[in-house]
Amino acid sequence: MVVCICNAIKEKDLRAAVRCATERPNDVYARLGRKPKCGQCLTFARNIISAGPATA
């Protein structure tokens, strides 16, 4: 599923970039080499981040 249309960030990519559940979306986006643009995705991104790092 696409989380951020402006940056073409997929949910799996966002989950892979999360290091801890207390991060801000800006930090995770920066790790992916991007930054939030329109802001529509931030609520969804926060929910994914709050779930914590992806586990293999």
PDB file of N, CA and C in Angstrom:
ATOM      1  N   MET A   1       0.826  -1.169   0.000  1.00  0.00           N
ATOM      2  CA  MET A   1       0.000   0.000   0.000  1.00  0.00           C
ATOM      3  C   MET A   1       0.882   1.247   0.000  1.00  0.00           C
ATOM      4  N   VAL A   2       0.479   2.259  -0.716  1.00  0.00           N
ATOM      5  CA  VAL A   2       1.217   3.516  -0.770  1.00  0.00           C
ATOM      6  C   VAL A   2       0.814   4.377   0.421  1.00  0.00           C
ATOM      7  N   VAL A   3       1.811   4.837   1.158  1.00  0.00           N
ATOM      8  CA  VAL A   3       1.574   5.708   2.309  1.00  0.00           C
ATOM      9  C   VAL A   3       1.601   7.167   1.866  1.00  0.00           C
ATOM     10  N   CYS A   4       2.608   7.508   1.073  1.00  0.00           N
ATOM     11  CA  CYS A   4       2.801   8.890   0.641  1.00  0.00           C
ATOM     12  C   CYS A   4       2.862   8.943  -0.882  1.00  0.00           C
ATOM     13  N   ILE A   5       1.857   9.519  -1.480  1.00  0.00           N
ATOM     14  CA  ILE A   5       1.802   9.620  -2.933  1.00  0.00           C
ATOM     15  C   ILE A   5       2.837  10.625  -3.442  1.00  0.00           C
ATOM     16  N   CYS A   6       3.017  11.731  -2.748  1.00  0.00           N
ATOM     17  CA  CYS A   6       3.969  12.763  -3.179  1.00  0.00           C
ATOM     18  C   CYS A   6       5.385  12.218  -3.304  1.00  0.00           C
ATOM     19  N   ASN A   7       5.759  11.320  -2.379  1.00  0.00           N
ATOM     20  CA  ASN A   7       7.110  10.775  -2.345  1.00  0.00           C
ATOM     21  C   ASN A   7       7.198   9.325  -2.796  1.00  0.00           C
ATOM     22  N   ALA A   8       6.084   8.757  -3.196  1.00  0.00           N
ATOM     23  CA  ALA A   8       6.023   7.358  -3.623  1.00  0.00           C
ATOM     24  C   ALA A   8       6.617   6.423  -2.566  1.00  0.00           C
ATOM     25  N   ILE A   9       6.206   6.623  -1.304  1.00  0.00           N
ATOM     26  CA  ILE A   9       6.681   5.779  -0.211  1.00  0.00           C
ATOM     27  C   ILE A   9       5.637   4.705   0.058  1.00  0.00           C
ATOM     28  N   LYS A  10       6.082   3.463  -0.019  1.00  0.00           N
ATOM     29  CA  LYS A  10       5.201   2.336   0.260  1.00  0.00           C
ATOM     30  C   LYS A  10       5.258   1.990   1.739  1.00  0.00           C
ATOM     31  N   GLU A  11       4.199   1.371   2.219  1.00  0.00           N
ATOM     32  CA  GLU A  11       4.117   0.994   3.623  1.00  0.00           C
ATOM     33  C   GLU A  11       5.297   0.121   4.040  1.00  0.00           C
ATOM     34  N   LYS A  12       5.666  -0.841   3.209  1.00  0.00           N
ATOM     35  CA  LYS A  12       6.768  -1.745   3.553  1.00  0.00           C
ATOM     36  C   LYS A  12       8.084  -0.988   3.673  1.00  0.00           C
ATOM     37  N   ASP A  13       8.294   0.038   2.842  1.00  0.00           N
ATOM     38  CA  ASP A  13       9.514   0.843   2.912  1.00  0.00           C
ATOM     39  C   ASP A  13       9.539   1.685   4.185  1.00  0.00           C
ATOM     40  N   LEU A  14       8.393   2.251   4.531  1.00  0.00           N
ATOM     41  CA  LEU A  14       8.296   3.054   5.745  1.00  0.00           C
ATOM     42  C   LEU A  14       8.555   2.183   6.974  1.00  0.00           C
ATOM     43  N   ARG A  15       7.922   1.011   7.020  1.00  0.00           N
ATOM     44  CA  ARG A  15       8.140   0.098   8.150  1.00  0.00           C
ATOM     45  C   ARG A  15       9.605  -0.312   8.271  1.00  0.00           C
ATOM     46  N   ALA A  16      10.265  -0.535   7.153  1.00  0.00           N
ATOM     47  CA  ALA A  16      11.669  -0.938   7.164  1.00  0.00           C
ATOM     48  C   ALA A  16      12.570   0.184   7.678  1.00  0.00           C
ATOM     49  N   ALA A  17      12.157   1.439   7.520  1.00  0.00           N
ATOM     50  CA  ALA A  17      12.974   2.577   7.936  1.00  0.00           C
ATOM     51  C   ALA A  17      12.766   2.966   9.396  1.00  0.00           C
ATOM     52  N   VAL A  18      11.732   2.441  10.021  1.00  0.00           N
ATOM     53  CA  VAL A  18      11.439   2.789  11.419  1.00  0.00           C
ATOM     54  C   VAL A  18      12.444   2.120  12.342  1.00  0.00           C
ATOM     55  N   ARG A  19      13.017   2.900  13.241  1.00  0.00           N
ATOM     56  CA  ARG A  19      13.968   2.354  14.223  1.00  0.00           C
ATOM     57  C   ARG A  19      13.354   2.251  15.607  1.00  0.00           C
ATOM     58  N   CYS A  20      12.448   3.183  15.944  1.00  0.00           N
ATOM     59  CA  CYS A  20      11.754   3.087  17.232  1.00  0.00           C
ATOM     60  C   CYS A  20      10.371   3.725  17.105  1.00  0.00           C
ATOM     61  N   ALA A  21       9.469   3.327  17.985  1.00  0.00           N
ATOM     62  CA  ALA A  21       8.068   3.742  17.900  1.00  0.00           C
ATOM     63  C   ALA A  21       7.846   5.197  18.287  1.00  0.00           C
ATOM     64  N   THR A  22       8.859   5.883  18.793  1.00  0.00           N
ATOM     65  CA  THR A  22       8.685   7.275  19.214  1.00  0.00           C
ATOM     66  C   THR A  22       9.218   8.275  18.190  1.00  0.00           C
ATOM     67  N   GLU A  23       9.645   7.790  17.032  1.00  0.00           N
ATOM     68  CA  GLU A  23      10.173   8.687  16.005  1.00  0.00           C
ATOM     69  C   GLU A  23       9.087   9.560  15.394  1.00  0.00           C
ATOM     70  N   ARG A  24       9.545  10.656  14.824  1.00  0.00           N
ATOM     71  CA  ARG A  24       8.646  11.531  14.080  1.00  0.00           C
ATOM     72  C   ARG A  24       8.684  11.140  12.608  1.00  0.00           C
ATOM     73  N   PRO A  25       7.581  11.335  11.882  1.00  0.00           N
ATOM     74  CA  PRO A  25       7.584  11.024  10.452  1.00  0.00           C
ATOM     75  C   PRO A  25       8.724  11.713   9.702  1.00  0.00           C
ATOM     76  N   ASN A  26       9.043  12.948  10.058  1.00  0.00           N
ATOM     77  CA  ASN A  26      10.131  13.666   9.374  1.00  0.00           C
ATOM     78  C   ASN A  26      11.439  12.892   9.448  1.00  0.00           C
ATOM     79  N   ASP A  27      11.718  12.280  10.601  1.00  0.00           N
ATOM     80  CA  ASP A  27      12.962  11.533  10.776  1.00  0.00           C
ATOM     81  C   ASP A  27      12.985  10.278   9.903  1.00  0.00           C
ATOM     82  N   VAL A  28      11.860   9.581   9.869  1.00  0.00           N
ATOM     83  CA  VAL A  28      11.792   8.350   9.072  1.00  0.00           C
ATOM     84  C   VAL A  28      11.845   8.688   7.587  1.00  0.00           C
ATOM     85  N   TYR A  29      11.147   9.736   7.178  1.00  0.00           N
ATOM     86  CA  TYR A  29      11.179  10.153   5.775  1.00  0.00           C
ATOM     87  C   TYR A  29      12.600  10.527   5.377  1.00  0.00           C
ATOM     88  N   ALA A  30      13.308  11.239   6.251  1.00  0.00           N
ATOM     89  CA  ALA A  30      14.683  11.647   5.966  1.00  0.00           C
ATOM     90  C   ALA A  30      15.571  10.424   5.767  1.00  0.00           C
ATOM     91  N   ARG A  31      15.351   9.380   6.545  1.00  0.00           N
ATOM     92  CA  ARG A  31      16.116   8.154   6.388  1.00  0.00           C
ATOM     93  C   ARG A  31      15.894   7.541   5.004  1.00  0.00           C
ATOM     94  N   LEU A  32      14.737   7.819   4.422  1.00  0.00           N
ATOM     95  CA  LEU A  32      14.417   7.339   3.074  1.00  0.00           C
ATOM     96  C   LEU A  32      14.850   8.346   2.000  1.00  0.00           C
ATOM     97  N   GLY A  33      15.467   9.450   2.429  1.00  0.00           N
ATOM     98  CA  GLY A  33      15.923  10.463   1.486  1.00  0.00           C
ATOM     99  C   GLY A  33      14.817  11.372   0.997  1.00  0.00           C
ATOM    100  N   ARG A  34      13.762  11.494   1.791  1.00  0.00           N
ATOM    101  CA  ARG A  34      12.615  12.306   1.386  1.00  0.00           C
ATOM    102  C   ARG A  34      12.140  13.155   2.552  1.00  0.00           C
ATOM    103  N   LYS A  35      11.172  14.034   2.300  1.00  0.00           N
ATOM    104  CA  LYS A  35      10.548  14.796   3.368  1.00  0.00           C
ATOM    105  C   LYS A  35       9.081  14.999   3.023  1.00  0.00           C
ATOM    106  N   PRO A  36       8.217  15.117   4.049  1.00  0.00           N
ATOM    107  CA  PRO A  36       6.790  15.309   3.782  1.00  0.00           C
ATOM    108  C   PRO A  36       6.557  16.567   2.947  1.00  0.00           C
ATOM    109  N   LYS A  37       5.615  16.466   2.027  1.00  0.00           N
ATOM    110  CA  LYS A  37       5.313  17.612   1.166  1.00  0.00           C
ATOM    111  C   LYS A  37       3.942  18.184   1.518  1.00  0.00           C
ATOM    112  N   CYS A  38       2.864  17.522   1.110  1.00  0.00           N
ATOM    113  CA  CYS A  38       1.530  18.084   1.341  1.00  0.00           C
ATOM    114  C   CYS A  38       0.994  17.788   2.744  1.00  0.00           C
ATOM    115  N   GLY A  39       1.519  16.745   3.398  1.00  0.00           N
ATOM    116  CA  GLY A  39       1.115  16.421   4.767  1.00  0.00           C
ATOM    117  C   GLY A  39      -0.073  15.490   4.907  1.00  0.00           C
ATOM    118  N   GLN A  40      -0.706  15.124   3.803  1.00  0.00           N
ATOM    119  CA  GLN A  40      -1.875  14.242   3.862  1.00  0.00           C
ATOM    120  C   GLN A  40      -1.547  12.873   4.461  1.00  0.00           C
ATOM    121  N   CYS A  41      -0.318  12.438   4.327  1.00  0.00           N
ATOM    122  CA  CYS A  41       0.087  11.102   4.749  1.00  0.00           C
ATOM    123  C   CYS A  41       0.523  11.019   6.208  1.00  0.00           C
ATOM    124  N   LEU A  42       0.708  12.133   6.866  1.00  0.00           N
ATOM    125  CA  LEU A  42       1.337  12.127   8.182  1.00  0.00           C
ATOM    126  C   LEU A  42       0.584  11.343   9.246  1.00  0.00           C
ATOM    127  N   THR A  43      -0.721  11.387   9.248  1.00  0.00           N
ATOM    128  CA  THR A  43      -1.491  10.625  10.233  1.00  0.00           C
ATOM    129  C   THR A  43      -1.281   9.135  10.024  1.00  0.00           C
ATOM    130  N   PHE A  44      -1.362   8.681   8.792  1.00  0.00           N
ATOM    131  CA  PHE A  44      -1.151   7.268   8.482  1.00  0.00           C
ATOM    132  C   PHE A  44       0.287   6.868   8.808  1.00  0.00           C
ATOM    133  N   ALA A  45       1.242   7.732   8.464  1.00  0.00           N
ATOM    134  CA  ALA A  45       2.652   7.455   8.747  1.00  0.00           C
ATOM    135  C   ALA A  45       2.874   7.344  10.255  1.00  0.00           C
ATOM    136  N   ARG A  46       2.275   8.234  11.040  1.00  0.00           N
ATOM    137  CA  ARG A  46       2.412   8.172  12.505  1.00  0.00           C
ATOM    138  C   ARG A  46       1.886   6.848  13.048  1.00  0.00           C
ATOM    139  N   ASN A  47       0.772   6.383  12.515  1.00  0.00           N
ATOM    140  CA  ASN A  47       0.204   5.097  12.964  1.00  0.00           C
ATOM    141  C   ASN A  47       1.151   3.946  12.674  1.00  0.00           C
ATOM    142  N   ILE A  48       1.761   3.955  11.519  1.00  0.00           N
ATOM    143  CA  ILE A  48       2.703   2.900  11.149  1.00  0.00           C
ATOM    144  C   ILE A  48       3.942   2.972  12.046  1.00  0.00           C
ATOM    145  N   ILE A  49       4.434   4.167  12.258  1.00  0.00           N
ATOM    146  CA  ILE A  49       5.630   4.355  13.079  1.00  0.00           C
ATOM    147  C   ILE A  49       5.360   3.930  14.525  1.00  0.00           C
ATOM    148  N   SER A  50       4.191   4.280  15.045  1.00  0.00           N
ATOM    149  CA  SER A  50       3.879   3.949  16.439  1.00  0.00           C
ATOM    150  C   SER A  50       3.767   2.453  16.658  1.00  0.00           C
ATOM    151  N   ALA A  51       3.571   1.684  15.589  1.00  0.00           N
ATOM    152  CA  ALA A  51       3.534   0.234  15.700  1.00  0.00           C
ATOM    153  C   ALA A  51       4.928  -0.331  15.955  1.00  0.00           C
ATOM    154  N   GLY A  52       5.951   0.497  15.716  1.00  0.00           N
ATOM    155  CA  GLY A  52       7.326   0.084  15.995  1.00  0.00           C
ATOM    156  C   GLY A  52       8.038  -0.455  14.783  1.00  0.00           C
ATOM    157  N   PRO A  53       9.310  -0.780  14.961  1.00  0.00           N
ATOM    158  CA  PRO A  53      10.128  -1.295  13.857  1.00  0.00           C
ATOM    159  C   PRO A  53       9.589  -2.592  13.287  1.00  0.00           C
ATOM    160  N   ALA A  54       9.818  -2.786  12.011  1.00  0.00           N
ATOM    161  CA  ALA A  54       9.419  -4.029  11.354  1.00  0.00           C
ATOM    162  C   ALA A  54      10.267  -5.171  11.895  1.00  0.00           C
ATOM    163  N   THR A  55       9.658  -6.325  12.045  1.00  0.00           N
ATOM    164  CA  THR A  55      10.403  -7.502  12.493  1.00  0.00           C
ATOM    165  C   THR A  55      10.450  -8.507  11.367  1.00  0.00           C
ATOM    166  N   ALA A  56      11.553  -9.188  11.267  1.00  0.00           N
ATOM    167  CA  ALA A  56      11.715 -10.159  10.175  1.00  0.00           C
ATOM    168  C   ALA A  56      11.326 -11.535  10.621  1.00  0.00           C
TER     169      ALA A  56
END
